[in-house]
Amino acid sequence: MVKRSSYRQAAKLFHLLSHPARLHILDELRRAEACVCHLQTVLGRPQAYVSQQLRVLREAEVVTDRKDGLLVYYGLADRQVERLLEQVLGPAGEPTCVSGCPCPRCQGEMETR
C-alpha cells in the first residue's frame, strides 16, 4: 500500500510542474545547464520573474545552481523530473541557442556560425 506522504509528495511535484514557465525552464535545463540570462531570453520574461520561478524550483530541490564568476548556472537535480518530462514532452533534443541571448553559450555558438 502506498503511504499518504507519497501522495502528498507526488501532488507537490505535479503542482510544481503545472506552471507553464517552470515547465519551460525545466525543459530547457534538461537539455543543458543554463544561466538566468539565457532562460530570460528563451522565455521572453523579465529577469525578476525568471529568478522567482528558479527560486521555487530550487527550494523544491528540483534544480541546483552553481556560480561561475558573475553568472549563476542552473541544472536539473532530480532524475524523476527528467523522466517525467521525457514521458510528457518527448526527447530533450539539443541545447538551444537564441539570437540576441547574451549568455556565453549562445554568444560562442553565434560566433562559430
Protein backbone atom coordinates (compact mmCIF):
# COMPACT_ATOMS: atom_id res chain seq x y z
CA MET A 1 0.00 0.00 0.00
CA VAL A 2 1.23 3.50 -0.84
CA LYS A 3 1.75 5.84 2.11
CA ARG A 4 -0.21 9.08 2.30
CA SER A 5 3.05 11.01 2.40
CA SER A 6 3.87 9.59 -1.06
CA TYR A 7 0.61 11.03 -2.40
CA ARG A 8 1.41 14.41 -0.87
CA GLN A 9 4.90 14.34 -2.36
CA ALA A 10 3.54 13.45 -5.80
CA ALA A 11 0.86 16.15 -5.57
CA LYS A 12 3.53 18.76 -4.71
CA LEU A 13 5.64 17.69 -7.67
CA PHE A 14 2.71 17.79 -10.08
CA HIS A 15 1.70 21.20 -8.74
CA LEU A 16 5.25 22.42 -9.30
CA LEU A 17 5.21 21.09 -12.88
CA SER A 18 1.77 22.53 -13.65
CA HIS A 19 3.14 26.09 -14.05
CA PRO A 20 3.92 26.78 -17.74
CA ALA A 21 7.00 28.94 -17.09
CA ARG A 22 8.51 26.42 -14.67
CA LEU A 23 7.80 23.63 -17.13
CA HIS A 24 9.54 25.63 -19.88
CA ILE A 25 12.53 26.28 -17.61
CA LEU A 26 12.82 22.59 -16.73
CA ASP A 27 12.54 21.66 -20.39
CA GLU A 28 15.49 23.94 -21.16
CA LEU A 29 17.50 22.62 -18.23
CA ARG A 30 17.09 19.01 -19.25
CA ARG A 31 18.95 19.89 -22.48
CA ALA A 32 21.86 21.59 -20.69
CA GLU A 33 22.53 23.79 -17.71
CA ALA A 34 21.71 27.44 -18.34
CA CYS A 35 22.23 30.85 -16.78
CA VAL A 36 19.42 33.22 -15.86
CA CYS A 37 20.07 35.49 -18.85
CA HIS A 38 19.64 32.53 -21.22
CA LEU A 39 16.41 31.45 -19.55
CA GLN A 40 15.20 35.04 -19.58
CA THR A 41 15.78 35.27 -23.35
CA VAL A 42 14.20 31.89 -24.09
CA LEU A 43 11.10 32.62 -22.01
CA GLY A 44 10.84 36.26 -23.08
CA ARG A 45 10.22 37.24 -19.46
CA PRO A 46 11.93 39.73 -17.12
CA GLN A 47 14.88 38.61 -15.01
CA ALA A 48 12.94 39.02 -11.76
CA TYR A 49 10.18 36.70 -12.99
CA VAL A 50 12.63 34.01 -14.13
CA SER A 51 14.57 34.28 -10.86
CA GLN A 52 11.35 33.91 -8.88
CA GLN A 53 10.47 30.70 -10.75
CA LEU A 54 14.01 29.39 -10.28
CA ARG A 55 13.78 30.09 -6.55
CA VAL A 56 10.62 27.96 -6.35
CA LEU A 57 12.33 25.14 -8.26
CA ARG A 58 15.49 25.40 -6.14
CA GLU A 59 13.52 25.34 -2.87
CA ALA A 60 11.73 22.20 -4.10
CA GLU A 61 15.20 20.73 -4.78
CA VAL A 62 14.33 20.13 -8.41
CA VAL A 63 17.18 22.31 -9.70
CA THR A 64 20.67 23.07 -8.49
CA ASP A 65 22.72 26.18 -9.01
CA ARG A 66 26.42 26.91 -9.33
CA LYS A 67 28.20 30.21 -9.60
CA ASP A 68 30.79 30.88 -12.29
CA GLY A 69 32.13 34.40 -11.95
CA LEU A 70 29.15 36.76 -12.17
CA LEU A 71 26.84 34.16 -13.71
CA VAL A 72 24.75 31.57 -11.91
CA TYR A 73 24.07 28.38 -13.84
CA TYR A 74 21.10 26.13 -13.15
CA GLY A 75 20.69 22.44 -13.88
CA LEU A 76 18.26 19.63 -13.14
CA ALA A 77 18.80 17.95 -9.80
CA ASP A 78 16.03 15.39 -9.91
CA ARG A 79 16.16 12.40 -12.28
CA GLN A 80 12.48 11.71 -11.57
CA VAL A 81 11.57 15.09 -13.04
CA GLU A 82 13.76 14.41 -16.05
CA ARG A 83 11.97 11.09 -16.64
CA LEU A 84 8.55 12.74 -16.28
CA LEU A 85 9.50 15.44 -18.79
CA GLU A 86 10.68 12.76 -21.19
CA GLN A 87 7.33 10.99 -20.91
CA VAL A 88 5.26 14.15 -21.29
CA LEU A 89 7.32 16.26 -23.71
CA GLY A 90 9.33 13.61 -25.55
CA PRO A 91 13.09 13.58 -26.13
CA ALA A 92 15.00 16.64 -24.96
CA GLY A 93 16.94 17.32 -28.14
CA GLU A 94 19.97 19.56 -28.41
CA PRO A 95 20.55 22.68 -26.29
CA THR A 96 19.03 25.76 -27.86
CA CYS A 97 20.85 28.98 -28.65
CA VAL A 98 18.77 32.07 -29.14
CA SER A 99 19.69 35.04 -31.28
CA GLY A 100 20.19 38.06 -29.05
CA CYS A 101 20.92 35.98 -25.96
CA PRO A 102 23.88 37.45 -24.07
CA CYS A 103 24.90 34.18 -22.37
CA PRO A 104 28.37 32.76 -23.08
CA ARG A 105 26.96 29.57 -24.64
CA CYS A 106 24.82 31.44 -27.19
CA GLN A 107 27.49 34.03 -27.90
CA GLY A 108 30.04 31.27 -28.56
CA GLU A 109 27.59 29.40 -30.82
CA MET A 110 26.74 32.56 -32.77
CA GLU A 111 30.46 33.33 -33.31
CA THR A 112 31.10 29.90 -34.83
CA ARG A 113 28.31 30.29 -37.41
